[in-house]
Amino acid sequence: MRSETQSALIVTIPAAEEAVAPHRARFDKAAAWGVPAHVTILYPFMPPSDIDTHVIGRLDAAVSSVPRSQATFDRTEWFGTNVLWLAPTPDGVFKALTAAVADAFHGYQPYGGEHEEVIPHLTVGHDVPEIQLRDAEAGVLPHLPIRAEITVVGLWCGTEAPASWHQMTAIPLG
């Protein structure tokens, strides 16, 4: 377990909690850390001890360059057979936020630069047998579509300890 404190920029999707919370509690370790249903904008971000008013100002400039929007989560998708997620439509606001923040902070790329293409998504579950994720999918589908207002990006920090993550600040979109 990683014990150091980390940070992330996310858009929480409270409207999805009813549909995904029971499944995330079982199949997404971030839920146990206290991270709510969300779409990741940039993770990992800088160590929280390095975040100061200058960094918040740069984040504010980047995030406010993207207009507020709406998204609908109307279908499930998969990464292979071991990650179940909800797809936002349109996904442009999330892509624009990720690009704006990554451009403002070149040393911090989404998922550490691990993926060539970053696909906006709300994780339902991962890294468990596919049959369990198929059952979760069946439980989520009746709740769709889920509509969300995309108005703020949250700066969250915590460790892999249970219930350790919390929001440091919320940064409004333009």
N, C-alpha and C. Protein backbone atom coordinates (compact mmCIF):
# COMPACT_ATOMS: atom_id res chain seq x y z
N MET A 1 0.84 -1.17 0.00
CA MET A 1 0.00 0.00 0.00
C MET A 1 0.89 1.24 0.00
N ARG A 2 0.50 2.21 -0.87
CA ARG A 2 1.23 3.48 -0.91
C ARG A 2 0.75 4.33 0.27
N SER A 3 1.67 4.76 1.10
CA SER A 3 1.28 5.52 2.28
C SER A 3 1.43 7.01 2.10
N GLU A 4 2.14 7.46 1.04
CA GLU A 4 2.32 8.89 0.87
C GLU A 4 1.00 9.55 0.44
N THR A 5 0.86 10.81 0.82
CA THR A 5 -0.33 11.56 0.44
C THR A 5 -0.20 11.97 -1.02
N GLN A 6 -1.28 11.78 -1.75
CA GLN A 6 -1.33 12.08 -3.18
C GLN A 6 -2.42 13.12 -3.43
N SER A 7 -2.47 13.63 -4.65
CA SER A 7 -3.57 14.52 -5.02
C SER A 7 -4.08 14.16 -6.40
N ALA A 8 -5.31 14.58 -6.66
CA ALA A 8 -5.97 14.33 -7.93
C ALA A 8 -6.93 15.47 -8.23
N LEU A 9 -7.17 15.68 -9.50
CA LEU A 9 -8.19 16.63 -9.94
C LEU A 9 -9.32 15.81 -10.56
N ILE A 10 -10.51 15.97 -9.99
CA ILE A 10 -11.65 15.16 -10.44
C ILE A 10 -12.91 16.02 -10.54
N VAL A 11 -13.84 15.54 -11.34
CA VAL A 11 -15.18 16.10 -11.37
C VAL A 11 -16.08 15.05 -10.72
N THR A 12 -16.62 15.39 -9.56
CA THR A 12 -17.51 14.45 -8.89
C THR A 12 -18.86 14.45 -9.61
N ILE A 13 -19.50 13.29 -9.59
CA ILE A 13 -20.80 13.11 -10.24
C ILE A 13 -21.78 12.59 -9.19
N PRO A 14 -22.27 13.48 -8.33
CA PRO A 14 -23.17 13.04 -7.25
C PRO A 14 -24.41 12.31 -7.76
N ALA A 15 -24.90 12.70 -8.93
CA ALA A 15 -26.10 12.07 -9.47
C ALA A 15 -25.89 10.58 -9.78
N ALA A 16 -24.65 10.15 -9.88
CA ALA A 16 -24.35 8.75 -10.19
C ALA A 16 -24.26 7.88 -8.94
N GLU A 17 -24.18 8.48 -7.78
CA GLU A 17 -23.94 7.71 -6.55
C GLU A 17 -24.96 6.59 -6.33
N GLU A 18 -26.23 6.89 -6.50
CA GLU A 18 -27.25 5.87 -6.26
C GLU A 18 -27.02 4.64 -7.15
N ALA A 19 -26.64 4.88 -8.39
CA ALA A 19 -26.43 3.78 -9.33
C ALA A 19 -25.15 3.01 -9.09
N VAL A 20 -24.06 3.72 -8.75
CA VAL A 20 -22.75 3.06 -8.73
C VAL A 20 -22.18 2.79 -7.35
N ALA A 21 -22.65 3.49 -6.32
CA ALA A 21 -22.02 3.36 -4.99
C ALA A 21 -21.95 1.93 -4.48
N PRO A 22 -23.02 1.14 -4.57
CA PRO A 22 -22.90 -0.23 -4.04
C PRO A 22 -21.85 -1.07 -4.78
N HIS A 23 -21.71 -0.81 -6.07
CA HIS A 23 -20.75 -1.58 -6.88
C HIS A 23 -19.33 -1.06 -6.67
N ARG A 24 -19.18 0.26 -6.59
CA ARG A 24 -17.86 0.83 -6.33
C ARG A 24 -17.36 0.39 -4.96
N ALA A 25 -18.26 0.29 -3.99
CA ALA A 25 -17.85 -0.14 -2.65
C ALA A 25 -17.22 -1.53 -2.69
N ARG A 26 -17.67 -2.36 -3.59
CA ARG A 26 -17.15 -3.73 -3.71
C ARG A 26 -15.99 -3.86 -4.70
N PHE A 27 -16.00 -3.02 -5.75
CA PHE A 27 -15.10 -3.28 -6.87
C PHE A 27 -14.21 -2.11 -7.28
N ASP A 28 -14.15 -1.04 -6.49
CA ASP A 28 -13.26 0.08 -6.82
C ASP A 28 -12.59 0.54 -5.53
N LYS A 29 -11.30 0.28 -5.43
CA LYS A 29 -10.57 0.60 -4.20
C LYS A 29 -10.63 2.08 -3.85
N ALA A 30 -10.76 2.96 -4.85
CA ALA A 30 -10.83 4.40 -4.57
C ALA A 30 -12.06 4.74 -3.73
N ALA A 31 -13.14 4.00 -3.89
CA ALA A 31 -14.34 4.25 -3.07
C ALA A 31 -14.03 4.04 -1.60
N ALA A 32 -13.26 3.01 -1.28
CA ALA A 32 -12.89 2.75 0.12
C ALA A 32 -11.99 3.86 0.67
N TRP A 33 -11.23 4.51 -0.20
CA TRP A 33 -10.38 5.62 0.23
C TRP A 33 -11.19 6.88 0.52
N GLY A 34 -12.46 6.89 0.09
CA GLY A 34 -13.32 8.06 0.30
C GLY A 34 -13.52 8.91 -0.95
N VAL A 35 -13.08 8.42 -2.10
CA VAL A 35 -13.25 9.16 -3.35
C VAL A 35 -14.65 8.86 -3.89
N PRO A 36 -15.47 9.90 -4.10
CA PRO A 36 -16.83 9.67 -4.61
C PRO A 36 -16.82 9.32 -6.10
N ALA A 37 -18.00 9.00 -6.63
CA ALA A 37 -18.15 8.76 -8.07
C ALA A 37 -17.65 9.99 -8.81
N HIS A 38 -16.82 9.77 -9.83
CA HIS A 38 -16.15 10.90 -10.47
C HIS A 38 -15.62 10.54 -11.85
N VAL A 39 -15.25 11.59 -12.57
CA VAL A 39 -14.45 11.48 -13.79
C VAL A 39 -13.12 12.14 -13.47
N THR A 40 -12.04 11.41 -13.68
CA THR A 40 -10.70 11.94 -13.39
C THR A 40 -10.29 12.94 -14.47
N ILE A 41 -9.79 14.08 -14.00
CA ILE A 41 -9.21 15.07 -14.90
C ILE A 41 -7.70 14.89 -14.96
N LEU A 42 -7.05 14.77 -13.80
CA LEU A 42 -5.62 14.53 -13.79
C LEU A 42 -5.21 13.83 -12.50
N TYR A 43 -4.64 12.66 -12.66
CA TYR A 43 -4.11 11.87 -11.55
C TYR A 43 -2.94 11.08 -12.09
N PRO A 44 -1.86 11.01 -11.36
CA PRO A 44 -1.58 11.71 -10.12
C PRO A 44 -1.20 13.16 -10.39
N PHE A 45 -1.54 14.02 -9.42
CA PHE A 45 -1.14 15.41 -9.48
C PHE A 45 -0.01 15.59 -8.49
N MET A 46 0.38 16.80 -8.21
CA MET A 46 1.56 17.05 -7.38
C MET A 46 1.32 16.70 -5.91
N PRO A 47 2.40 16.48 -5.17
CA PRO A 47 2.24 16.23 -3.73
C PRO A 47 1.51 17.39 -3.08
N PRO A 48 0.54 17.10 -2.22
CA PRO A 48 -0.23 18.18 -1.58
C PRO A 48 0.65 19.21 -0.87
N SER A 49 1.80 18.80 -0.37
CA SER A 49 2.69 19.75 0.31
C SER A 49 3.26 20.80 -0.65
N ASP A 50 3.21 20.53 -1.96
CA ASP A 50 3.70 21.49 -2.96
C ASP A 50 2.60 22.42 -3.47
N ILE A 51 1.37 22.18 -3.06
CA ILE A 51 0.26 22.98 -3.56
C ILE A 51 0.11 24.23 -2.69
N ASP A 52 0.28 25.38 -3.34
CA ASP A 52 0.19 26.66 -2.65
C ASP A 52 -0.76 27.58 -3.43
N THR A 53 -0.84 28.84 -3.03
CA THR A 53 -1.75 29.77 -3.70
C THR A 53 -1.37 30.00 -5.16
N HIS A 54 -0.07 29.93 -5.47
CA HIS A 54 0.36 30.07 -6.87
C HIS A 54 -0.18 28.91 -7.70
N VAL A 55 -0.08 27.70 -7.20
CA VAL A 55 -0.59 26.51 -7.90
C VAL A 55 -2.11 26.62 -8.07
N ILE A 56 -2.80 27.02 -7.01
CA ILE A 56 -4.26 27.16 -7.09
C ILE A 56 -4.62 28.22 -8.15
N GLY A 57 -3.86 29.29 -8.21
CA GLY A 57 -4.10 30.31 -9.23
C GLY A 57 -3.92 29.78 -10.64
N ARG A 58 -2.90 28.97 -10.85
CA ARG A 58 -2.68 28.36 -12.17
C ARG A 58 -3.79 27.36 -12.49
N LEU A 59 -4.23 26.60 -11.49
CA LEU A 59 -5.36 25.69 -11.70
C LEU A 59 -6.62 26.46 -12.06
N ASP A 60 -6.86 27.55 -11.33
CA ASP A 60 -8.04 28.36 -11.59
C ASP A 60 -8.03 28.88 -13.02
N ALA A 61 -6.89 29.37 -13.49
CA ALA A 61 -6.79 29.87 -14.86
C ALA A 61 -7.06 28.77 -15.87
N ALA A 62 -6.51 27.59 -15.64
CA ALA A 62 -6.70 26.47 -16.57
C ALA A 62 -8.16 26.01 -16.58
N VAL A 63 -8.72 25.77 -15.41
CA VAL A 63 -10.08 25.24 -15.32
C VAL A 63 -11.10 26.26 -15.81
N SER A 64 -10.91 27.53 -15.47
CA SER A 64 -11.89 28.55 -15.88
C SER A 64 -11.85 28.83 -17.38
N SER A 65 -10.83 28.32 -18.07
CA SER A 65 -10.78 28.48 -19.53
C SER A 65 -11.75 27.55 -20.24
N VAL A 66 -12.35 26.62 -19.50
CA VAL A 66 -13.29 25.65 -20.06
C VAL A 66 -14.70 26.02 -19.60
N PRO A 67 -15.65 26.18 -20.54
CA PRO A 67 -17.00 26.55 -20.14
C PRO A 67 -17.73 25.42 -19.41
N ARG A 68 -18.63 25.83 -18.52
CA ARG A 68 -19.49 24.87 -17.83
C ARG A 68 -20.28 24.09 -18.88
N SER A 69 -20.69 22.90 -18.49
CA SER A 69 -21.35 22.04 -19.47
C SER A 69 -22.26 21.06 -18.76
N GLN A 70 -22.89 20.23 -19.54
CA GLN A 70 -23.69 19.12 -19.04
C GLN A 70 -23.18 17.85 -19.69
N ALA A 71 -23.37 16.75 -19.00
CA ALA A 71 -23.01 15.45 -19.57
C ALA A 71 -24.08 14.45 -19.15
N THR A 72 -24.27 13.47 -20.00
CA THR A 72 -25.20 12.39 -19.72
C THR A 72 -24.40 11.09 -19.75
N PHE A 73 -24.58 10.30 -18.71
CA PHE A 73 -23.97 8.97 -18.64
C PHE A 73 -25.09 8.00 -19.02
N ASP A 74 -25.07 7.55 -20.28
CA ASP A 74 -26.20 6.77 -20.78
C ASP A 74 -25.86 5.35 -21.20
N ARG A 75 -24.59 4.96 -20.98
CA ARG A 75 -24.21 3.60 -21.35
C ARG A 75 -22.99 3.15 -20.55
N THR A 76 -22.84 1.85 -20.45
CA THR A 76 -21.63 1.29 -19.86
C THR A 76 -20.65 0.98 -20.98
N GLU A 77 -19.39 0.95 -20.61
CA GLU A 77 -18.30 0.58 -21.52
C GLU A 77 -17.31 -0.25 -20.73
N TRP A 78 -16.35 -0.82 -21.44
CA TRP A 78 -15.34 -1.68 -20.82
C TRP A 78 -13.96 -1.35 -21.34
N PHE A 79 -12.97 -1.45 -20.46
CA PHE A 79 -11.57 -1.53 -20.86
C PHE A 79 -11.23 -3.01 -20.71
N GLY A 80 -11.11 -3.70 -21.84
CA GLY A 80 -10.90 -5.15 -21.79
C GLY A 80 -12.10 -5.80 -21.13
N THR A 81 -11.81 -6.76 -20.27
CA THR A 81 -12.90 -7.42 -19.53
C THR A 81 -12.75 -7.22 -18.02
N ASN A 82 -11.85 -6.29 -17.64
CA ASN A 82 -11.63 -6.14 -16.20
C ASN A 82 -11.88 -4.74 -15.65
N VAL A 83 -12.39 -3.81 -16.50
CA VAL A 83 -12.76 -2.48 -16.01
C VAL A 83 -14.11 -2.10 -16.62
N LEU A 84 -15.10 -1.91 -15.76
CA LEU A 84 -16.44 -1.47 -16.16
C LEU A 84 -16.57 0.00 -15.83
N TRP A 85 -17.10 0.78 -16.78
CA TRP A 85 -17.22 2.22 -16.56
C TRP A 85 -18.43 2.78 -17.27
N LEU A 86 -18.83 3.98 -16.82
CA LEU A 86 -19.90 4.72 -17.47
C LEU A 86 -19.28 5.75 -18.40
N ALA A 87 -19.87 5.88 -19.58
CA ALA A 87 -19.36 6.79 -20.60
C ALA A 87 -20.15 8.10 -20.59
N PRO A 88 -19.46 9.25 -20.48
CA PRO A 88 -20.16 10.52 -20.56
C PRO A 88 -20.35 10.97 -22.01
N THR A 89 -21.52 11.54 -22.27
CA THR A 89 -21.81 12.10 -23.59
C THR A 89 -22.37 13.50 -23.41
N PRO A 90 -21.82 14.49 -24.04
CA PRO A 90 -20.54 14.45 -24.73
C PRO A 90 -19.40 14.38 -23.72
N ASP A 91 -18.23 13.98 -24.18
CA ASP A 91 -17.08 13.89 -23.28
C ASP A 91 -16.09 15.04 -23.47
N GLY A 92 -16.44 15.98 -24.35
CA GLY A 92 -15.53 17.06 -24.69
C GLY A 92 -15.11 17.94 -23.52
N VAL A 93 -16.03 18.21 -22.58
CA VAL A 93 -15.68 19.06 -21.44
C VAL A 93 -14.58 18.40 -20.61
N PHE A 94 -14.64 17.09 -20.45
CA PHE A 94 -13.63 16.39 -19.66
C PHE A 94 -12.28 16.38 -20.39
N LYS A 95 -12.32 16.17 -21.70
CA LYS A 95 -11.09 16.21 -22.49
C LYS A 95 -10.47 17.61 -22.45
N ALA A 96 -11.32 18.62 -22.56
CA ALA A 96 -10.81 20.00 -22.53
C ALA A 96 -10.20 20.33 -21.17
N LEU A 97 -10.83 19.88 -20.10
CA LEU A 97 -10.28 20.12 -18.76
C LEU A 97 -8.93 19.42 -18.59
N THR A 98 -8.85 18.17 -19.02
CA THR A 98 -7.59 17.43 -18.90
C THR A 98 -6.50 18.12 -19.70
N ALA A 99 -6.81 18.54 -20.92
CA ALA A 99 -5.81 19.21 -21.76
C ALA A 99 -5.38 20.53 -21.14
N ALA A 100 -6.33 21.31 -20.63
CA ALA A 100 -5.99 22.61 -20.04
C ALA A 100 -5.10 22.46 -18.82
N VAL A 101 -5.42 21.51 -17.95
CA VAL A 101 -4.62 21.32 -16.74
C VAL A 101 -3.25 20.72 -17.08
N ALA A 102 -3.22 19.73 -17.96
CA ALA A 102 -1.94 19.13 -18.35
C ALA A 102 -1.04 20.16 -19.05
N ASP A 103 -1.64 21.06 -19.83
CA ASP A 103 -0.85 22.11 -20.48
C ASP A 103 -0.29 23.09 -19.46
N ALA A 104 -1.05 23.36 -18.41
CA ALA A 104 -0.61 24.31 -17.38
C ALA A 104 0.44 23.70 -16.46
N PHE A 105 0.45 22.38 -16.36
CA PHE A 105 1.37 21.67 -15.47
C PHE A 105 2.03 20.54 -16.25
N HIS A 106 3.01 20.88 -17.08
CA HIS A 106 3.64 19.91 -17.98
C HIS A 106 4.24 18.71 -17.27
N GLY A 107 4.66 18.87 -16.05
CA GLY A 107 5.27 17.76 -15.32
C GLY A 107 4.28 16.72 -14.82
N TYR A 108 2.99 17.00 -14.99
CA TYR A 108 1.95 16.10 -14.48
C TYR A 108 1.00 15.75 -15.61
N GLN A 109 1.17 14.55 -16.13
CA GLN A 109 0.34 14.08 -17.22
C GLN A 109 -0.68 13.07 -16.70
N PRO A 110 -1.84 12.98 -17.36
CA PRO A 110 -2.87 12.04 -16.89
C PRO A 110 -2.33 10.62 -16.76
N TYR A 111 -2.62 10.03 -15.63
CA TYR A 111 -2.20 8.66 -15.32
C TYR A 111 -0.70 8.48 -15.50
N GLY A 112 0.04 9.55 -15.22
CA GLY A 112 1.49 9.50 -15.31
C GLY A 112 2.01 9.28 -16.72
N GLY A 113 1.18 9.59 -17.74
CA GLY A 113 1.57 9.38 -19.12
C GLY A 113 1.49 7.93 -19.56
N GLU A 114 0.86 7.11 -18.74
CA GLU A 114 0.79 5.67 -18.98
C GLU A 114 -0.04 5.28 -20.20
N HIS A 115 -1.04 6.10 -20.54
CA HIS A 115 -1.95 5.78 -21.65
C HIS A 115 -1.80 6.79 -22.77
N GLU A 116 -1.73 6.28 -23.99
CA GLU A 116 -1.58 7.15 -25.15
C GLU A 116 -2.82 8.04 -25.33
N GLU A 117 -3.99 7.46 -25.14
CA GLU A 117 -5.24 8.22 -25.24
C GLU A 117 -5.94 8.17 -23.88
N VAL A 118 -6.38 9.33 -23.42
CA VAL A 118 -7.12 9.40 -22.16
C VAL A 118 -8.60 9.45 -22.51
N ILE A 119 -9.34 8.47 -22.03
CA ILE A 119 -10.77 8.36 -22.30
C ILE A 119 -11.53 8.74 -21.04
N PRO A 120 -12.30 9.84 -21.08
CA PRO A 120 -13.08 10.21 -19.90
C PRO A 120 -14.06 9.10 -19.53
N HIS A 121 -14.10 8.79 -18.23
CA HIS A 121 -14.96 7.70 -17.78
C HIS A 121 -15.21 7.79 -16.28
N LEU A 122 -16.29 7.16 -15.85
CA LEU A 122 -16.61 7.03 -14.44
C LEU A 122 -16.51 5.55 -14.10
N THR A 123 -15.50 5.18 -13.36
CA THR A 123 -15.25 3.77 -13.05
C THR A 123 -16.32 3.22 -12.11
N VAL A 124 -16.85 2.07 -12.49
CA VAL A 124 -17.80 1.34 -11.65
C VAL A 124 -17.05 0.26 -10.87
N GLY A 125 -16.14 -0.43 -11.52
CA GLY A 125 -15.37 -1.48 -10.86
C GLY A 125 -14.24 -1.97 -11.75
N HIS A 126 -13.27 -2.64 -11.10
CA HIS A 126 -12.11 -3.12 -11.85
C HIS A 126 -11.39 -4.21 -11.08
N ASP A 127 -10.62 -4.98 -11.86
CA ASP A 127 -9.69 -5.97 -11.32
C ASP A 127 -10.34 -7.02 -10.43
N VAL A 128 -11.54 -7.43 -10.82
CA VAL A 128 -12.21 -8.57 -10.19
C VAL A 128 -12.71 -9.45 -11.34
N PRO A 129 -13.15 -10.66 -11.05
CA PRO A 129 -13.63 -11.51 -12.15
C PRO A 129 -14.73 -10.84 -12.97
N GLU A 130 -14.66 -11.05 -14.27
CA GLU A 130 -15.61 -10.42 -15.19
C GLU A 130 -17.06 -10.69 -14.80
N ILE A 131 -17.36 -11.87 -14.32
CA ILE A 131 -18.74 -12.21 -13.96
C ILE A 131 -19.29 -11.26 -12.89
N GLN A 132 -18.42 -10.85 -11.96
CA GLN A 132 -18.85 -9.90 -10.93
C GLN A 132 -19.13 -8.53 -11.52
N LEU A 133 -18.31 -8.12 -12.47
CA LEU A 133 -18.53 -6.84 -13.13
C LEU A 133 -19.76 -6.88 -14.03
N ARG A 134 -20.04 -8.03 -14.64
CA ARG A 134 -21.26 -8.18 -15.45
C ARG A 134 -22.50 -8.04 -14.56
N ASP A 135 -22.45 -8.59 -13.36
CA ASP A 135 -23.56 -8.43 -12.41
C ASP A 135 -23.70 -6.96 -12.01
N ALA A 136 -22.58 -6.28 -11.79
CA ALA A 136 -22.63 -4.86 -11.46
C ALA A 136 -23.23 -4.07 -12.62
N GLU A 137 -22.84 -4.42 -13.82
CA GLU A 137 -23.39 -3.74 -15.00
C GLU A 137 -24.91 -3.90 -15.06
N ALA A 138 -25.39 -5.10 -14.80
CA ALA A 138 -26.84 -5.34 -14.79
C ALA A 138 -27.54 -4.50 -13.72
N GLY A 139 -26.85 -4.25 -12.62
CA GLY A 139 -27.42 -3.42 -11.57
C GLY A 139 -27.41 -1.94 -11.88
N VAL A 140 -26.46 -1.50 -12.70
CA VAL A 140 -26.33 -0.08 -13.04
C VAL A 140 -27.26 0.31 -14.18
N LEU A 141 -27.42 -0.54 -15.17
CA LEU A 141 -28.15 -0.19 -16.39
C LEU A 141 -29.55 0.38 -16.15
N PRO A 142 -30.33 -0.15 -15.20
CA PRO A 142 -31.67 0.43 -14.99
C PRO A 142 -31.66 1.88 -14.50
N HIS A 143 -30.53 2.35 -13.99
CA HIS A 143 -30.42 3.72 -13.49
C HIS A 143 -30.06 4.73 -14.58
N LEU A 144 -29.71 4.25 -15.75
CA LEU A 144 -29.28 5.14 -16.83
C LEU A 144 -30.48 5.66 -17.60
N PRO A 145 -30.43 6.86 -18.12
CA PRO A 145 -29.31 7.79 -18.14
C PRO A 145 -29.19 8.59 -16.84
N ILE A 146 -27.99 9.04 -16.57
CA ILE A 146 -27.70 9.92 -15.43
C ILE A 146 -27.22 11.24 -16.02
N ARG A 147 -27.86 12.32 -15.62
CA ARG A 147 -27.49 13.64 -16.13
C ARG A 147 -26.72 14.40 -15.06
N ALA A 148 -25.70 15.12 -15.50
CA ALA A 148 -24.85 15.85 -14.54
C ALA A 148 -24.49 17.22 -15.09
N GLU A 149 -24.47 18.21 -14.19
CA GLU A 149 -23.96 19.54 -14.49
C GLU A 149 -22.46 19.52 -14.19
N ILE A 150 -21.66 19.94 -15.13
CA ILE A 150 -20.21 19.96 -14.95
C ILE A 150 -19.82 21.40 -14.71
N THR A 151 -19.64 21.75 -13.42
CA THR A 151 -19.42 23.16 -13.06
C THR A 151 -18.13 23.39 -12.27
N VAL A 152 -17.59 22.35 -11.63
CA VAL A 152 -16.37 22.52 -10.83
C VAL A 152 -15.45 21.32 -10.97
N VAL A 153 -14.18 21.58 -10.79
CA VAL A 153 -13.18 20.52 -10.67
C VAL A 153 -12.72 20.55 -9.22
N GLY A 154 -12.73 19.39 -8.59
CA GLY A 154 -12.27 19.30 -7.21
C GLY A 154 -10.81 18.88 -7.15
N LEU A 155 -10.08 19.54 -6.27
CA LEU A 155 -8.71 19.13 -5.95
C LEU A 155 -8.81 18.29 -4.68
N TRP A 156 -8.54 17.01 -4.80
CA TRP A 156 -8.68 16.06 -3.70
C TRP A 156 -7.31 15.53 -3.31
N CYS A 157 -7.16 15.14 -2.04
CA CYS A 157 -5.92 14.52 -1.61
C CYS A 157 -6.21 13.46 -0.56
N GLY A 158 -5.27 12.53 -0.45
CA GLY A 158 -5.39 11.45 0.52
C GLY A 158 -4.36 10.38 0.27
N THR A 159 -4.51 9.28 1.00
CA THR A 159 -3.62 8.13 0.86
C THR A 159 -4.48 6.92 0.51
N GLU A 160 -3.87 5.76 0.52
CA GLU A 160 -4.62 4.53 0.28
C GLU A 160 -5.25 4.00 1.56
N ALA A 161 -5.21 4.77 2.63
CA ALA A 161 -5.88 4.38 3.88
C ALA A 161 -7.38 4.59 3.73
N PRO A 162 -8.18 3.77 4.38
CA PRO A 162 -9.63 3.93 4.27
C PRO A 162 -10.09 5.34 4.67
N ALA A 163 -11.01 5.86 3.88
CA ALA A 163 -11.67 7.15 4.14
C ALA A 163 -10.70 8.31 4.32
N SER A 164 -9.54 8.26 3.69
CA SER A 164 -8.53 9.31 3.88
C SER A 164 -8.64 10.46 2.88
N TRP A 165 -9.30 10.26 1.75
CA TRP A 165 -9.36 11.30 0.73
C TRP A 165 -10.40 12.35 1.10
N HIS A 166 -10.05 13.61 0.80
CA HIS A 166 -10.97 14.72 1.03
C HIS A 166 -10.69 15.82 0.01
N GLN A 167 -11.68 16.65 -0.21
CA GLN A 167 -11.53 17.75 -1.16
C GLN A 167 -10.81 18.91 -0.50
N MET A 168 -9.73 19.37 -1.12
CA MET A 168 -9.00 20.54 -0.64
C MET A 168 -9.67 21.84 -1.08
N THR A 169 -10.10 21.87 -2.35
CA THR A 169 -10.76 23.05 -2.89
C THR A 169 -11.55 22.66 -4.13
N ALA A 170 -12.50 23.51 -4.48
CA ALA A 170 -13.28 23.34 -5.72
C ALA A 170 -13.00 24.53 -6.62
N ILE A 171 -12.73 24.25 -7.88
CA ILE A 171 -12.34 25.28 -8.83
C ILE A 171 -13.42 25.35 -9.90
N PRO A 172 -14.10 26.49 -10.04
CA PRO A 172 -15.20 26.58 -11.00
C PRO A 172 -14.73 26.66 -12.45
N LEU A 173 -15.52 26.03 -13.32
CA LEU A 173 -15.31 26.17 -14.75
C LEU A 173 -15.75 27.57 -15.16
N GLY A 174 -15.39 27.98 -16.38
CA GLY A 174 -15.72 29.32 -16.86
C GLY A 174 -17.20 29.50 -17.13
